[in-house]
Amino acid sequence: MNLSKGKKLIPYTIASIPTDSLVNQKLLALGIYEGAIISIKQFLPAKGPIIIKAGTGEVAISYEIAQHINVIK
């Protein structure tokens, strides 16, 4: 399942992230990597950014990138 179809406040484990090197590097810098446990805090309207909790911080990622992040429950 991709992250954009997830539910709020449920912990997910990241199974895969985009392979585009620039996007991959930025996600890694934000603490979003394969095996990390994250949860969705908020969806912004009209396919806007998704705010997720990763580790001790919160990060907003675009809906388009969230569609390419695969997670498992």
PDB file of N, CA and C in Angstrom:
ATOM      1  N   MET A   1       0.858  -1.171   0.000  1.00  0.00           N
ATOM      2  CA  MET A   1       0.000   0.000   0.000  1.00  0.00           C
ATOM      3  C   MET A   1       0.904   1.234   0.000  1.00  0.00           C
ATOM      4  N   ASN A   2       0.496   2.257  -0.723  1.00  0.00           N
ATOM      5  CA  ASN A   2       1.316   3.472  -0.685  1.00  0.00           C
ATOM      6  C   ASN A   2       0.833   4.400   0.428  1.00  0.00           C
ATOM      7  N   LEU A   3       1.726   5.260   0.869  1.00  0.00           N
ATOM      8  CA  LEU A   3       1.477   6.112   2.023  1.00  0.00           C
ATOM      9  C   LEU A   3       0.273   7.028   1.833  1.00  0.00           C
ATOM     10  N   SER A   4      -0.001   7.453   0.616  1.00  0.00           N
ATOM     11  CA  SER A   4      -1.116   8.378   0.382  1.00  0.00           C
ATOM     12  C   SER A   4      -2.472   7.730   0.657  1.00  0.00           C
ATOM     13  N   LYS A   5      -2.523   6.402   0.744  1.00  0.00           N
ATOM     14  CA  LYS A   5      -3.773   5.703   1.031  1.00  0.00           C
ATOM     15  C   LYS A   5      -3.871   5.260   2.490  1.00  0.00           C
ATOM     16  N   GLY A   6      -2.901   5.656   3.309  1.00  0.00           N
ATOM     17  CA  GLY A   6      -2.875   5.267   4.715  1.00  0.00           C
ATOM     18  C   GLY A   6      -3.924   5.998   5.546  1.00  0.00           C
ATOM     19  N   LYS A   7      -4.056   5.571   6.774  1.00  0.00           N
ATOM     20  CA  LYS A   7      -4.973   6.191   7.739  1.00  0.00           C
ATOM     21  C   LYS A   7      -4.161   6.968   8.764  1.00  0.00           C
ATOM     22  N   LYS A   8      -4.780   7.966   9.360  1.00  0.00           N
ATOM     23  CA  LYS A   8      -4.114   8.788  10.354  1.00  0.00           C
ATOM     24  C   LYS A   8      -3.840   8.006  11.636  1.00  0.00           C
ATOM     25  N   LEU A   9      -2.719   8.343  12.279  1.00  0.00           N
ATOM     26  CA  LEU A   9      -2.329   7.866  13.603  1.00  0.00           C
ATOM     27  C   LEU A   9      -2.089   6.365  13.716  1.00  0.00           C
ATOM     28  N   ILE A  10      -1.877   5.689  12.601  1.00  0.00           N
ATOM     29  CA  ILE A  10      -1.556   4.261  12.613  1.00  0.00           C
ATOM     30  C   ILE A  10      -0.078   4.120  12.259  1.00  0.00           C
ATOM     31  N   PRO A  11       0.694   3.390  13.069  1.00  0.00           N
ATOM     32  CA  PRO A  11       2.112   3.223  12.726  1.00  0.00           C
ATOM     33  C   PRO A  11       2.302   2.324  11.508  1.00  0.00           C
ATOM     34  N   TYR A  12       3.151   2.757  10.601  1.00  0.00           N
ATOM     35  CA  TYR A  12       3.488   2.001   9.394  1.00  0.00           C
ATOM     36  C   TYR A  12       4.999   1.835   9.324  1.00  0.00           C
ATOM     37  N   THR A  13       5.432   0.749   8.724  1.00  0.00           N
ATOM     38  CA  THR A  13       6.845   0.538   8.441  1.00  0.00           C
ATOM     39  C   THR A  13       7.054   0.788   6.949  1.00  0.00           C
ATOM     40  N   ILE A  14       8.069   1.568   6.617  1.00  0.00           N
ATOM     41  CA  ILE A  14       8.337   1.868   5.223  1.00  0.00           C
ATOM     42  C   ILE A  14       8.968   0.650   4.557  1.00  0.00           C
ATOM     43  N   ALA A  15       8.339   0.179   3.477  1.00  0.00           N
ATOM     44  CA  ALA A  15       8.843  -0.976   2.730  1.00  0.00           C
ATOM     45  C   ALA A  15       9.771  -0.530   1.608  1.00  0.00           C
ATOM     46  N   SER A  16       9.459   0.593   0.955  1.00  0.00           N
ATOM     47  CA  SER A  16      10.332   1.120  -0.100  1.00  0.00           C
ATOM     48  C   SER A  16      10.059   2.606  -0.299  1.00  0.00           C
ATOM     49  N   ILE A  17      11.092   3.301  -0.776  1.00  0.00           N
ATOM     50  CA  ILE A  17      10.978   4.727  -1.077  1.00  0.00           C
ATOM     51  C   ILE A  17      11.390   4.938  -2.532  1.00  0.00           C
ATOM     52  N   PRO A  18      11.079   6.105  -3.114  1.00  0.00           N
ATOM     53  CA  PRO A  18      11.426   6.344  -4.520  1.00  0.00           C
ATOM     54  C   PRO A  18      12.920   6.158  -4.773  1.00  0.00           C
ATOM     55  N   THR A  19      13.240   5.653  -5.958  1.00  0.00           N
ATOM     56  CA  THR A  19      14.637   5.399  -6.298  1.00  0.00           C
ATOM     57  C   THR A  19      15.312   6.575  -6.981  1.00  0.00           C
ATOM     58  N   ASP A  20      14.555   7.606  -7.344  1.00  0.00           N
ATOM     59  CA  ASP A  20      15.151   8.818  -7.921  1.00  0.00           C
ATOM     60  C   ASP A  20      16.175   9.348  -6.922  1.00  0.00           C
ATOM     61  N   SER A  21      17.420   9.499  -7.332  1.00  0.00           N
ATOM     62  CA  SER A  21      18.502   9.793  -6.395  1.00  0.00           C
ATOM     63  C   SER A  21      18.291  11.088  -5.610  1.00  0.00           C
ATOM     64  N   LEU A  22      17.795  12.143  -6.227  1.00  0.00           N
ATOM     65  CA  LEU A  22      17.595  13.407  -5.516  1.00  0.00           C
ATOM     66  C   LEU A  22      16.493  13.272  -4.469  1.00  0.00           C
ATOM     67  N   VAL A  23      15.374  12.683  -4.847  1.00  0.00           N
ATOM     68  CA  VAL A  23      14.264  12.478  -3.908  1.00  0.00           C
ATOM     69  C   VAL A  23      14.712  11.547  -2.792  1.00  0.00           C
ATOM     70  N   ASN A  24      15.415  10.484  -3.151  1.00  0.00           N
ATOM     71  CA  ASN A  24      15.896   9.509  -2.180  1.00  0.00           C
ATOM     72  C   ASN A  24      16.797  10.185  -1.149  1.00  0.00           C
ATOM     73  N   GLN A  25      17.731  11.005  -1.582  1.00  0.00           N
ATOM     74  CA  GLN A  25      18.640  11.698  -0.666  1.00  0.00           C
ATOM     75  C   GLN A  25      17.897  12.635   0.274  1.00  0.00           C
ATOM     76  N   LYS A  26      16.907  13.343  -0.254  1.00  0.00           N
ATOM     77  CA  LYS A  26      16.140  14.266   0.591  1.00  0.00           C
ATOM     78  C   LYS A  26      15.324  13.515   1.631  1.00  0.00           C
ATOM     79  N   LEU A  27      14.710  12.402   1.227  1.00  0.00           N
ATOM     80  CA  LEU A  27      13.937  11.607   2.189  1.00  0.00           C
ATOM     81  C   LEU A  27      14.845  11.037   3.275  1.00  0.00           C
ATOM     82  N   LEU A  28      16.008  10.546   2.888  1.00  0.00           N
ATOM     83  CA  LEU A  28      16.951  10.012   3.873  1.00  0.00           C
ATOM     84  C   LEU A  28      17.374  11.090   4.865  1.00  0.00           C
ATOM     85  N   ALA A  29      17.588  12.313   4.386  1.00  0.00           N
ATOM     86  CA  ALA A  29      17.980  13.419   5.255  1.00  0.00           C
ATOM     87  C   ALA A  29      16.870  13.774   6.250  1.00  0.00           C
ATOM     88  N   LEU A  30      15.617  13.485   5.882  1.00  0.00           N
ATOM     89  CA  LEU A  30      14.485  13.771   6.764  1.00  0.00           C
ATOM     90  C   LEU A  30      14.174  12.608   7.698  1.00  0.00           C
ATOM     91  N   GLY A  31      14.944  11.531   7.610  1.00  0.00           N
ATOM     92  CA  GLY A  31      14.712  10.373   8.472  1.00  0.00           C
ATOM     93  C   GLY A  31      13.677   9.414   7.924  1.00  0.00           C
ATOM     94  N   ILE A  32      13.411   9.505   6.611  1.00  0.00           N
ATOM     95  CA  ILE A  32      12.449   8.623   5.962  1.00  0.00           C
ATOM     96  C   ILE A  32      13.234   7.635   5.114  1.00  0.00           C
ATOM     97  N   TYR A  33      13.327   6.405   5.578  1.00  0.00           N
ATOM     98  CA  TYR A  33      14.125   5.373   4.918  1.00  0.00           C
ATOM     99  C   TYR A  33      13.438   4.025   5.093  1.00  0.00           C
ATOM    100  N   GLU A  34      13.849   3.047   4.298  1.00  0.00           N
ATOM    101  CA  GLU A  34      13.254   1.711   4.383  1.00  0.00           C
ATOM    102  C   GLU A  34      13.475   1.148   5.781  1.00  0.00           C
ATOM    103  N   GLY A  35      12.400   0.641   6.360  1.00  0.00           N
ATOM    104  CA  GLY A  35      12.459   0.068   7.705  1.00  0.00           C
ATOM    105  C   GLY A  35      12.062   1.040   8.799  1.00  0.00           C
ATOM    106  N   ALA A  36      12.004   2.331   8.494  1.00  0.00           N
ATOM    107  CA  ALA A  36      11.624   3.333   9.498  1.00  0.00           C
ATOM    108  C   ALA A  36      10.138   3.200   9.827  1.00  0.00           C
ATOM    109  N   ILE A  37       9.791   3.505  11.065  1.00  0.00           N
ATOM    110  CA  ILE A  37       8.390   3.486  11.486  1.00  0.00           C
ATOM    111  C   ILE A  37       7.891   4.929  11.500  1.00  0.00           C
ATOM    112  N   ILE A  38       6.779   5.143  10.787  1.00  0.00           N
ATOM    113  CA  ILE A  38       6.194   6.480  10.674  1.00  0.00           C
ATOM    114  C   ILE A  38       4.697   6.399  10.940  1.00  0.00           C
ATOM    115  N   SER A  39       4.081   7.547  11.141  1.00  0.00           N
ATOM    116  CA  SER A  39       2.622   7.608  11.221  1.00  0.00           C
ATOM    117  C   SER A  39       2.170   8.916  10.574  1.00  0.00           C
ATOM    118  N   ILE A  40       0.973   8.879  10.022  1.00  0.00           N
ATOM    119  CA  ILE A  40       0.415  10.063   9.366  1.00  0.00           C
ATOM    120  C   ILE A  40      -0.270  10.912  10.431  1.00  0.00           C
ATOM    121  N   LYS A  41       0.119  12.164  10.507  1.00  0.00           N
ATOM    122  CA  LYS A  41      -0.495  13.063  11.472  1.00  0.00           C
ATOM    123  C   LYS A  41      -1.673  13.814  10.850  1.00  0.00           C
ATOM    124  N   GLN A  42      -1.498  14.249   9.594  1.00  0.00           N
ATOM    125  CA  GLN A  42      -2.552  15.056   8.975  1.00  0.00           C
ATOM    126  C   GLN A  42      -2.460  15.010   7.464  1.00  0.00           C
ATOM    127  N   PHE A  43      -3.624  14.952   6.835  1.00  0.00           N
ATOM    128  CA  PHE A  43      -3.732  15.109   5.384  1.00  0.00           C
ATOM    129  C   PHE A  43      -4.212  16.531   5.127  1.00  0.00           C
ATOM    130  N   LEU A  44      -3.568  17.250   4.238  1.00  0.00           N
ATOM    131  CA  LEU A  44      -4.053  18.570   3.867  1.00  0.00           C
ATOM    132  C   LEU A  44      -4.971  18.415   2.660  1.00  0.00           C
ATOM    133  N   PRO A  45      -5.981  19.269   2.525  1.00  0.00           N
ATOM    134  CA  PRO A  45      -6.996  19.088   1.479  1.00  0.00           C
ATOM    135  C   PRO A  45      -6.466  19.182   0.053  1.00  0.00           C
ATOM    136  N   ALA A  46      -7.266  18.634  -0.848  1.00  0.00           N
ATOM    137  CA  ALA A  46      -7.044  18.716  -2.297  1.00  0.00           C
ATOM    138  C   ALA A  46      -5.683  18.158  -2.707  1.00  0.00           C
ATOM    139  N   LYS A  47      -5.371  16.978  -2.206  1.00  0.00           N
ATOM    140  CA  LYS A  47      -4.102  16.303  -2.530  1.00  0.00           C
ATOM    141  C   LYS A  47      -2.898  17.174  -2.208  1.00  0.00           C
ATOM    142  N   GLY A  48      -3.004  17.901  -1.100  1.00  0.00           N
ATOM    143  CA  GLY A  48      -1.884  18.717  -0.630  1.00  0.00           C
ATOM    144  C   GLY A  48      -0.894  17.852   0.127  1.00  0.00           C
ATOM    145  N   PRO A  49       0.069  18.490   0.766  1.00  0.00           N
ATOM    146  CA  PRO A  49       1.084  17.734   1.504  1.00  0.00           C
ATOM    147  C   PRO A  49       0.484  16.867   2.613  1.00  0.00           C
ATOM    148  N   ILE A  50       1.232  15.831   2.954  1.00  0.00           N
ATOM    149  CA  ILE A  50       0.856  14.930   4.043  1.00  0.00           C
ATOM    150  C   ILE A  50       1.876  15.138   5.148  1.00  0.00           C
ATOM    151  N   ILE A  51       1.397  15.406   6.348  1.00  0.00           N
ATOM    152  CA  ILE A  51       2.292  15.605   7.479  1.00  0.00           C
ATOM    153  C   ILE A  51       2.448  14.271   8.189  1.00  0.00           C
ATOM    154  N   ILE A  52       3.702  13.824   8.303  1.00  0.00           N
ATOM    155  CA  ILE A  52       3.964  12.544   8.951  1.00  0.00           C
ATOM    156  C   ILE A  52       4.894  12.743  10.127  1.00  0.00           C
ATOM    157  N   LYS A  53       4.798  11.825  11.075  1.00  0.00           N
ATOM    158  CA  LYS A  53       5.718  11.807  12.203  1.00  0.00           C
ATOM    159  C   LYS A  53       6.732  10.722  11.924  1.00  0.00           C
ATOM    160  N   ALA A  54       7.996  11.107  11.863  1.00  0.00           N
ATOM    161  CA  ALA A  54       9.094  10.174  11.617  1.00  0.00           C
ATOM    162  C   ALA A  54      10.101  10.370  12.736  1.00  0.00           C
ATOM    163  N   GLY A  55      10.266   9.369  13.565  1.00  0.00           N
ATOM    164  CA  GLY A  55      11.155   9.508  14.719  1.00  0.00           C
ATOM    165  C   GLY A  55      10.561  10.502  15.700  1.00  0.00           C
ATOM    166  N   THR A  56      11.339  11.519  16.066  1.00  0.00           N
ATOM    167  CA  THR A  56      10.842  12.515  17.013  1.00  0.00           C
ATOM    168  C   THR A  56      10.371  13.790  16.326  1.00  0.00           C
ATOM    169  N   GLY A  57      10.462  13.838  15.004  1.00  0.00           N
ATOM    170  CA  GLY A  57      10.084  15.043  14.275  1.00  0.00           C
ATOM    171  C   GLY A  57       8.883  14.843  13.377  1.00  0.00           C
ATOM    172  N   GLU A  58       8.380  15.949  12.874  1.00  0.00           N
ATOM    173  CA  GLU A  58       7.270  15.928  11.927  1.00  0.00           C
ATOM    174  C   GLU A  58       7.751  16.529  10.616  1.00  0.00           C
ATOM    175  N   VAL A  59       7.306  15.928   9.517  1.00  0.00           N
ATOM    176  CA  VAL A  59       7.756  16.331   8.190  1.00  0.00           C
ATOM    177  C   VAL A  59       6.545  16.393   7.269  1.00  0.00           C
ATOM    178  N   ALA A  60       6.517  17.388   6.381  1.00  0.00           N
ATOM    179  CA  ALA A  60       5.478  17.463   5.359  1.00  0.00           C
ATOM    180  C   ALA A  60       6.091  16.987   4.047  1.00  0.00           C
ATOM    181  N   ILE A  61       5.429  16.025   3.412  1.00  0.00           N
ATOM    182  CA  ILE A  61       5.887  15.558   2.101  1.00  0.00           C
ATOM    183  C   ILE A  61       4.742  15.714   1.108  1.00  0.00           C
ATOM    184  N   SER A  62       5.086  15.876  -0.140  1.00  0.00           N
ATOM    185  CA  SER A  62       4.063  16.094  -1.159  1.00  0.00           C
ATOM    186  C   SER A  62       3.245  14.825  -1.373  1.00  0.00           C
ATOM    187  N   TYR A  63       2.032  15.019  -1.821  1.00  0.00           N
ATOM    188  CA  TYR A  63       1.143  13.895  -2.118  1.00  0.00           C
ATOM    189  C   TYR A  63       1.759  12.998  -3.188  1.00  0.00           C
ATOM    190  N   GLU A  64       2.405  13.614  -4.191  1.00  0.00           N
ATOM    191  CA  GLU A  64       3.003  12.851  -5.286  1.00  0.00           C
ATOM    192  C   GLU A  64       4.117  11.925  -4.785  1.00  0.00           C
ATOM    193  N   ILE A  65       4.951  12.417  -3.881  1.00  0.00           N
ATOM    194  CA  ILE A  65       6.015  11.580  -3.330  1.00  0.00           C
ATOM    195  C   ILE A  65       5.410  10.501  -2.427  1.00  0.00           C
ATOM    196  N   ALA A  66       4.391  10.856  -1.662  1.00  0.00           N
ATOM    197  CA  ALA A  66       3.735   9.879  -0.781  1.00  0.00           C
ATOM    198  C   ALA A  66       3.166   8.702  -1.578  1.00  0.00           C
ATOM    199  N   GLN A  67       2.755   8.941  -2.810  1.00  0.00           N
ATOM    200  CA  GLN A  67       2.236   7.870  -3.642  1.00  0.00           C
ATOM    201  C   GLN A  67       3.309   6.859  -3.988  1.00  0.00           C
ATOM    202  N   HIS A  68       4.572   7.234  -3.912  1.00  0.00           N
ATOM    203  CA  HIS A  68       5.675   6.347  -4.274  1.00  0.00           C
ATOM    204  C   HIS A  68       6.371   5.739  -3.059  1.00  0.00           C
ATOM    205  N   ILE A  69       5.874   6.043  -1.854  1.00  0.00           N
ATOM    206  CA  ILE A  69       6.423   5.444  -0.635  1.00  0.00           C
ATOM    207  C   ILE A  69       5.512   4.293  -0.248  1.00  0.00           C
ATOM    208  N   ASN A  70       6.032   3.072  -0.320  1.00  0.00           N
ATOM    209  CA  ASN A  70       5.241   1.901   0.037  1.00  0.00           C
ATOM    210  C   ASN A  70       5.432   1.565   1.498  1.00  0.00           C
ATOM    211  N   VAL A  71       4.306   1.289   2.175  1.00  0.00           N
ATOM    212  CA  VAL A  71       4.351   0.995   3.616  1.00  0.00           C
ATOM    213  C   VAL A  71       3.596  -0.300   3.908  1.00  0.00           C
ATOM    214  N   ILE A  72       3.905  -0.871   5.055  1.00  0.00           N
ATOM    215  CA  ILE A  72       3.163  -2.035   5.552  1.00  0.00           C
ATOM    216  C   ILE A  72       2.746  -1.731   6.984  1.00  0.00           C
ATOM    217  N   LYS A  73       1.660  -2.338   7.405  1.00  0.00           N
ATOM    218  CA  LYS A  73       1.142  -2.116   8.752  1.00  0.00           C
ATOM    219  C   LYS A  73       1.921  -2.897   9.754  1.00  0.00           C
TER     220      LYS A  73
END
